[in-house]
């Protein structure tokens, strides 16, 4: 079990940064992810924005979960009255067994409590304290924090598996648009950006009149096929020609960490890839996910000791990315990367 760690003290974020900092699922290095408390802590620690993932419920609401399978991040498996909801389904070609958001109403989801999905690496003392928020609550929180802190607070909103949900009768687009419009979160100047690994989904939102800034997320497996793009792979869409296609639709491209350096997971960082320069040449902002501080997630040359749960040199790692042109750092530990994102005078 990972040791319990106290919550970090609010830092004084630098006035000028070379890169934005986005709190990934909130301050998820310290609190259960995708809770209002985690989002607020991420912003109070100085992040420019926080990131959320949304999936649909049985009655069409959008809730914040990274996976629609709920047992990894909530206490649903301990709720006896939901025992018969356990089932097996195929999502994006992979078979999963568990409890799925689309089989629960929003009222039923409200009964669940969030828990730490990485208990072997992170403390669990906050398990059971927070519920699962719906998108309107999150949009309201963003607005409140922006007003209270008198600064822009961004929201990076990822729509999970839109093809899968459309196929099973739970398309998310209409609810997403309605929630954004109700909160005044639509338009090219909105602080809400929409992200997806599915370029066709972003294209569909554009056709429906959504003008928010968009981010095309890129899988680290360059051979993986992009949904709805006639067999094109993520590798092909991050070549100069592919990035030109992306630029027609999105303002940013968001690869995983291993798509930007040559090092394999668990090895040394390696050398920077061409995508740094190619994204800039295409006029695309370059975002990157996900920077975590625990040794278990760091390249070998940025670890401190052998314990997987020990917090290593995350700031050093982020510095390497920012020096090569990274524009946005998406991180579980926003407070630990600010020195790495200082603008060079």
Protein backbone atom coordinates (compact mmCIF):
# COMPACT_ATOMS: atom_id res chain seq x y z
CA UNK A 1 0.00 0.00 0.00
CA UNK A 2 1.35 3.41 -0.92
CA UNK A 3 2.03 5.72 2.00
CA UNK A 4 -0.48 8.42 2.83
CA UNK A 5 0.71 11.82 1.70
CA UNK A 6 -0.58 15.15 2.90
CA UNK A 7 -2.11 17.48 0.34
CA UNK A 8 0.38 19.96 -1.11
CA UNK A 9 0.46 23.58 -0.05
CA UNK A 10 -0.74 26.05 -2.66
CA UNK A 11 2.31 27.21 -4.64
CA UNK A 12 2.78 30.66 -6.08
CA UNK A 13 2.57 29.92 -9.81
CA UNK A 14 5.01 31.87 -11.99
CA UNK A 15 3.52 34.85 -13.84
CA UNK A 16 4.89 33.77 -17.21
CA UNK A 17 5.19 30.18 -18.39
CA UNK A 18 6.64 28.52 -21.43
CA UNK A 19 3.87 25.91 -21.24
CA UNK A 20 0.35 25.62 -19.89
CA UNK A 21 -0.32 23.21 -17.04
CA UNK A 22 -3.48 21.09 -17.10
CA UNK A 23 -4.54 19.11 -14.02
CA UNK A 24 -5.23 15.63 -15.39
CA UNK A 25 -8.55 14.38 -14.00
CA UNK A 26 -7.93 17.09 -11.40
CA UNK A 27 -5.20 16.83 -8.79
CA UNK A 28 -5.41 13.06 -9.22
CA UNK A 29 -2.00 12.49 -7.67
CA UNK A 30 -3.53 13.53 -4.34
CA UNK A 31 -7.30 12.91 -4.43
CA UNK A 32 -9.56 10.37 -6.14
CA UNK A 33 -9.70 11.33 -9.80
CA UNK A 34 -12.68 12.94 -11.48
CA UNK A 35 -14.21 14.44 -8.37
CA UNK A 36 -15.14 18.07 -7.85
CA UNK A 37 -12.62 18.20 -5.01
CA UNK A 38 -9.82 16.96 -7.27
CA UNK A 39 -10.67 19.47 -9.98
CA UNK A 40 -10.75 22.35 -7.51
CA UNK A 41 -7.48 21.33 -5.87
CA UNK A 42 -5.78 21.14 -9.26
CA UNK A 43 -6.78 24.72 -10.01
CA UNK A 44 -5.92 25.99 -6.52
CA UNK A 45 -2.48 24.45 -6.93
CA UNK A 46 -2.05 26.79 -9.88
CA UNK A 47 -3.01 24.78 -12.96
CA UNK A 48 -4.31 26.77 -15.91
CA UNK A 49 -7.03 24.24 -16.62
CA UNK A 50 -8.31 20.86 -15.55
CA UNK A 51 -9.06 17.84 -17.71
CA UNK A 52 -12.16 15.67 -17.59
CA UNK A 53 -13.43 12.57 -19.41
CA UNK A 54 -17.15 12.03 -19.92
CA UNK A 55 -19.25 8.90 -20.47
CA UNK A 56 -23.07 8.55 -20.67
CA UNK A 57 -25.52 7.12 -18.16
CA UNK A 58 -28.57 5.01 -19.00
CA UNK A 59 -30.77 8.12 -18.94
CA UNK A 60 -28.47 10.15 -21.17
CA UNK A 61 -26.52 12.30 -18.73
CA UNK A 62 -22.77 12.76 -19.03
CA UNK A 63 -20.70 11.90 -15.98
CA UNK A 64 -17.00 12.23 -15.33
CA UNK A 65 -15.17 8.88 -15.51
CA UNK A 66 -12.12 7.84 -17.46
CA UNK A 67 -13.61 4.40 -18.07
CA UNK A 68 -17.29 3.60 -18.36
CA UNK A 69 -16.47 0.49 -16.31
CA UNK A 70 -17.03 1.81 -12.81
CA UNK A 71 -15.43 -0.68 -10.42
CA UNK A 72 -11.89 0.66 -10.83
CA UNK A 73 -12.73 4.17 -9.64
CA UNK A 74 -15.85 3.76 -7.46
CA UNK A 75 -17.21 1.44 -4.78
CA UNK A 76 -19.87 -0.08 -7.07
CA UNK A 77 -18.54 -3.62 -6.54
CA UNK A 78 -19.29 -3.29 -2.82
CA UNK A 79 -22.88 -2.15 -3.41
CA UNK A 80 -24.97 -5.31 -2.98
CA UNK A 81 -28.03 -3.87 -4.66
CA UNK A 82 -26.06 -3.46 -7.89
CA UNK A 83 -24.57 -6.96 -7.90
CA UNK A 84 -26.79 -8.06 -10.79
CA UNK A 85 -25.53 -5.22 -13.00
CA UNK A 86 -22.16 -6.92 -13.43
CA UNK A 87 -21.82 -7.90 -17.07
CA UNK A 88 -19.37 -8.41 -19.93
CA UNK A 89 -19.14 -6.19 -22.99
CA UNK A 90 -16.75 -5.31 -25.82
CA UNK A 91 -15.48 -1.73 -26.03
CA UNK A 92 -13.27 -0.64 -28.93
CA UNK A 93 -12.45 -4.27 -29.65
CA UNK A 94 -11.51 -5.20 -26.07
CA UNK A 95 -13.63 -7.41 -23.77
CA UNK A 96 -14.39 -5.95 -20.33
CA UNK A 97 -16.30 -7.37 -17.37
CA UNK A 98 -17.71 -5.16 -14.64
CA UNK A 99 -20.30 -2.47 -13.99
CA UNK A 100 -20.85 0.05 -16.78
CA UNK A 101 -22.07 3.63 -16.57
CA UNK A 102 -24.57 3.17 -19.40
CA UNK A 103 -26.41 0.58 -17.26
CA UNK A 104 -26.99 3.06 -14.40
CA UNK A 105 -29.21 6.12 -14.17
CA UNK A 106 -27.70 9.35 -12.94
CA UNK A 107 -29.59 8.93 -9.66
CA UNK A 108 -28.00 5.51 -9.18
CA UNK A 109 -24.55 6.84 -10.00
CA UNK A 110 -25.10 9.45 -7.29
CA UNK A 111 -25.14 6.63 -4.73
CA UNK A 112 -21.60 5.61 -5.59
CA UNK A 113 -18.45 7.02 -4.02
CA UNK A 114 -15.14 7.60 -5.73
CA UNK A 115 -12.02 5.72 -4.78
CA UNK A 116 -8.34 5.78 -5.68
CA UNK A 117 -7.81 3.65 -8.81
CA UNK A 118 -4.06 3.23 -8.11
CA UNK A 119 -4.07 1.99 -4.49
CA UNK A 120 -0.70 0.30 -4.82
CA UNK A 121 0.96 3.63 -5.61
CA UNK A 122 -1.20 6.29 -4.00
CA UNK A 123 -2.89 6.74 -0.65
CA UNK A 124 -6.51 5.68 -0.18
CA UNK A 125 -7.41 7.82 2.83
CA UNK A 126 -9.82 9.92 0.75
CA UNK A 127 -11.78 6.94 -0.61
CA UNK A 128 -15.52 7.17 -0.04
CA UNK A 129 -15.61 10.95 0.56
CA UNK A 130 -16.69 12.16 -2.87
CA UNK A 131 -19.41 11.35 -5.35
CA UNK A 132 -19.29 11.14 -9.14
CA UNK A 133 -20.06 14.51 -10.76
CA UNK A 134 -22.12 15.19 -13.87
CA UNK A 135 -21.04 17.62 -16.57
CA UNK A 136 -23.30 20.56 -15.55
CA UNK A 137 -21.80 20.53 -12.03
CA UNK A 138 -18.30 20.55 -13.48
CA UNK A 139 -19.06 23.44 -15.80
CA UNK A 140 -20.52 25.35 -12.84
CA UNK A 141 -17.41 24.65 -10.76
CA UNK A 142 -15.16 25.95 -13.53
CA UNK A 143 -17.13 29.20 -13.73
CA UNK A 144 -17.14 29.64 -9.94
CA UNK A 145 -13.39 29.12 -9.66
CA UNK A 146 -12.69 31.56 -12.49
CA UNK A 147 -14.78 34.22 -10.80
CA UNK A 148 -13.42 33.57 -7.33
CA UNK A 149 -9.77 33.46 -8.39
CA UNK A 150 -10.15 36.29 -10.92
CA UNK A 151 -8.34 34.46 -13.68
CA UNK A 152 -9.14 32.23 -16.62
CA UNK A 153 -9.79 28.63 -15.69
CA UNK A 154 -9.79 26.29 -18.63
CA UNK A 155 -11.53 22.97 -19.06
CA UNK A 156 -10.20 20.25 -21.36
CA UNK A 157 -13.11 17.90 -22.04
CA UNK A 158 -12.46 14.48 -23.55
CA UNK A 159 -15.36 12.49 -24.96
CA UNK A 160 -14.65 8.79 -24.42
CA UNK A 161 -15.32 6.12 -27.09
CA UNK A 162 -17.99 8.02 -29.10
CA UNK A 163 -18.26 5.26 -31.73
CA UNK A 164 -18.94 2.61 -29.10
CA UNK A 165 -21.60 4.64 -27.33
CA UNK A 166 -23.36 5.56 -30.58
CA UNK A 167 -23.42 1.87 -31.56
CA UNK A 168 -25.19 0.86 -28.34
CA UNK A 169 -27.75 3.66 -28.50
CA UNK A 170 -26.04 6.14 -26.19
CA UNK A 171 -24.68 8.78 -28.55
CA UNK A 172 -23.31 11.69 -26.53
CA UNK A 173 -23.30 14.61 -28.96
CA UNK A 174 -26.73 16.12 -28.28
CA UNK A 175 -26.31 16.04 -24.51
CA UNK A 176 -22.79 17.46 -24.76
CA UNK A 177 -23.96 20.36 -26.90
CA UNK A 178 -26.98 21.02 -24.66
CA UNK A 179 -24.89 21.05 -21.48
CA UNK A 180 -22.28 23.36 -23.00
CA UNK A 181 -24.88 25.79 -24.31
CA UNK A 182 -26.79 25.83 -21.02
CA UNK A 183 -23.60 26.78 -19.19
CA UNK A 184 -22.52 29.39 -21.74
CA UNK A 185 -19.61 27.14 -22.63
CA UNK A 186 -19.93 27.13 -26.43
CA UNK A 187 -18.07 29.16 -29.00
CA UNK A 188 -14.54 29.89 -30.23
CA UNK A 189 -13.70 31.99 -27.16
CA UNK A 190 -14.99 29.45 -24.67
CA UNK A 191 -12.59 28.24 -21.96
CA UNK A 192 -13.87 24.72 -22.73
CA UNK A 193 -11.81 22.75 -25.24
CA UNK A 194 -13.02 19.43 -26.63
CA UNK A 195 -10.59 16.55 -27.03
CA UNK A 196 -10.93 13.17 -28.72
CA UNK A 197 -8.86 10.33 -30.16
CA UNK A 198 -11.58 10.16 -32.82
CA UNK A 199 -11.07 12.80 -35.50
CA UNK A 200 -14.42 11.92 -37.07
CA UNK A 201 -16.14 12.75 -33.79
CA UNK A 202 -14.56 16.20 -33.75
CA UNK A 203 -15.60 16.64 -37.37
CA UNK A 204 -19.18 15.70 -36.48
CA UNK A 205 -19.24 18.26 -33.68
CA UNK A 206 -18.07 20.92 -36.12
CA UNK A 207 -20.89 19.98 -38.50
CA UNK A 208 -23.32 20.36 -35.60
CA UNK A 209 -22.15 23.93 -35.08
CA UNK A 210 -19.68 23.50 -32.20
CA UNK A 211 -16.97 26.15 -32.58
CA UNK A 212 -15.00 25.45 -29.40
CA UNK A 213 -11.27 24.86 -29.75
CA UNK A 214 -10.50 21.19 -30.38
CA UNK A 215 -7.60 18.85 -29.64
CA UNK A 216 -6.91 15.69 -31.64
CA UNK A 217 -5.49 13.18 -29.17
CA UNK A 218 -2.88 10.73 -30.48
CA UNK A 219 -2.31 7.17 -29.29
CA UNK A 220 1.27 6.21 -28.47
CA UNK A 221 0.92 3.13 -30.70
CA UNK A 222 1.59 4.71 -34.09
CA UNK A 223 0.19 1.66 -35.94
CA UNK A 224 -3.22 1.90 -34.31
CA UNK A 225 -5.99 2.85 -36.73
CA UNK A 226 -7.84 6.13 -36.18
CA UNK A 227 -11.62 5.58 -36.09
CA UNK A 228 -13.46 6.82 -39.17
CA UNK A 229 -10.37 7.85 -41.15
CA UNK A 230 -10.36 5.18 -43.91
CA UNK A 231 -7.72 3.05 -42.27
CA UNK A 232 -5.27 5.86 -41.52
CA UNK A 233 -3.10 5.26 -38.46
CA UNK A 234 -2.11 7.70 -35.72
CA UNK A 235 1.41 7.59 -37.13
CA UNK A 236 0.17 8.66 -40.55
CA UNK A 237 -1.86 11.51 -39.09
CA UNK A 238 1.22 12.87 -37.30
CA UNK A 239 3.30 13.18 -40.45
CA UNK A 240 3.41 16.67 -42.00
CA UNK A 241 0.68 15.68 -44.48
CA UNK A 242 -1.45 14.17 -41.72
CA UNK A 243 -1.01 17.17 -39.46
CA UNK A 244 -2.22 19.41 -42.28
CA UNK A 245 -5.46 17.41 -42.24
CA UNK A 246 -5.70 17.78 -38.48
CA UNK A 247 -5.11 21.53 -38.71
CA UNK A 248 -8.22 21.92 -40.85
CA UNK A 249 -10.27 20.80 -37.86
CA UNK A 250 -8.35 21.24 -34.60
CA UNK A 251 -6.15 23.83 -32.94
CA UNK A 252 -3.94 21.33 -31.14
CA UNK A 253 -2.57 17.81 -31.33
CA UNK A 254 -2.20 15.81 -28.11
CA UNK A 255 0.12 12.79 -28.22
CA UNK A 256 1.05 10.55 -25.34
CA UNK A 257 4.53 10.99 -23.85
CA UNK A 258 6.10 8.07 -25.71
CA UNK A 259 5.07 9.50 -29.08
CA UNK A 260 7.43 12.44 -28.53
CA UNK A 261 10.65 10.69 -27.42
CA UNK A 262 12.22 7.48 -28.64
CA UNK A 263 12.56 5.75 -25.25
CA UNK A 264 10.27 2.79 -24.62
CA UNK A 265 8.15 2.58 -21.44
CA UNK A 266 10.38 1.77 -18.49
CA UNK A 267 13.58 2.65 -20.34
CA UNK A 268 15.51 5.91 -20.56
CA UNK A 269 13.84 8.92 -22.15
CA UNK A 270 15.72 8.71 -25.43
CA UNK A 271 15.84 11.32 -28.18
CA UNK A 272 13.12 13.76 -29.28
CA UNK A 273 11.02 12.84 -32.29
CA UNK A 274 10.15 14.98 -35.30
CA UNK A 275 6.63 15.57 -34.04
CA UNK A 276 7.85 18.48 -31.92
CA UNK A 277 8.97 20.39 -35.01
CA UNK A 278 6.26 19.08 -37.33
CA UNK A 279 3.42 20.19 -35.05
CA UNK A 280 4.89 23.67 -34.82
CA UNK A 281 5.37 23.84 -38.57
CA UNK A 282 1.73 22.83 -39.04
CA UNK A 283 0.59 25.65 -36.75
CA UNK A 284 -0.73 23.26 -34.13
CA UNK A 285 -0.34 23.67 -30.39
CA UNK A 286 1.38 20.62 -28.93
CA UNK A 287 -0.22 19.11 -25.81
CA UNK A 288 1.06 15.95 -24.11
CA UNK A 289 -0.37 13.37 -21.71
CA UNK A 290 0.22 12.16 -19.04
CA UNK A 291 2.99 13.27 -16.67
CA UNK A 292 2.90 11.43 -13.33
CA UNK A 293 5.44 11.80 -10.54
CA UNK A 294 5.70 8.22 -9.26
CA UNK A 295 8.76 6.23 -10.30
CA UNK A 296 6.44 3.63 -11.81
CA UNK A 297 5.53 6.10 -14.57
CA UNK A 298 8.90 7.77 -15.13
CA UNK A 299 11.71 6.97 -17.56
CA UNK A 300 14.61 5.20 -15.88
CA UNK A 301 16.80 8.30 -15.93
CA UNK A 302 14.28 10.35 -13.92
CA UNK A 303 13.52 7.88 -11.11
CA UNK A 304 14.66 8.36 -7.55
CA UNK A 305 15.43 5.01 -5.93
CA UNK A 306 13.72 1.69 -6.61
CA UNK A 307 10.32 2.05 -4.91
CA UNK A 308 7.64 2.38 -7.63
CA UNK A 309 5.57 4.69 -5.37
CA UNK A 310 8.41 7.14 -4.66
CA UNK A 311 7.98 10.51 -6.36
CA UNK A 312 10.81 10.97 -8.82
CA UNK A 313 12.16 13.89 -10.85
CA UNK A 314 8.97 14.90 -12.64
CA UNK A 315 10.13 18.50 -13.02
CA UNK A 316 13.27 17.33 -14.79
CA UNK A 317 11.25 15.20 -17.17
CA UNK A 318 8.85 18.01 -17.99
CA UNK A 319 11.79 20.34 -18.57
CA UNK A 320 13.08 18.01 -21.30
CA UNK A 321 9.74 18.19 -23.10
CA UNK A 322 9.27 21.94 -22.70
CA UNK A 323 12.80 22.66 -23.95
CA UNK A 324 11.91 20.91 -27.19
CA UNK A 325 8.71 22.90 -27.68
CA UNK A 326 5.88 21.33 -25.68
CA UNK A 327 3.05 23.82 -25.20
CA UNK A 328 0.79 22.01 -22.72
CA UNK A 329 1.72 19.69 -19.84
CA UNK A 330 -1.13 17.40 -18.76
CA UNK A 331 -0.22 16.08 -15.33
CA UNK A 332 -1.51 14.37 -12.19
CA UNK A 333 0.87 16.51 -10.10
CA UNK A 334 0.54 20.07 -11.35
CA UNK A 335 2.30 21.55 -8.31
CA UNK A 336 5.50 19.62 -9.12
CA UNK A 337 6.01 20.95 -12.67
CA UNK A 338 5.79 24.73 -12.36
CA UNK A 339 9.56 25.33 -12.28
CA UNK A 340 9.83 23.29 -15.48
CA UNK A 341 7.30 25.49 -17.28
CA UNK A 342 8.89 28.87 -16.50
CA UNK A 343 9.37 31.03 -19.55
CA UNK A 344 13.01 31.75 -20.35
CA UNK A 345 13.61 35.47 -20.12
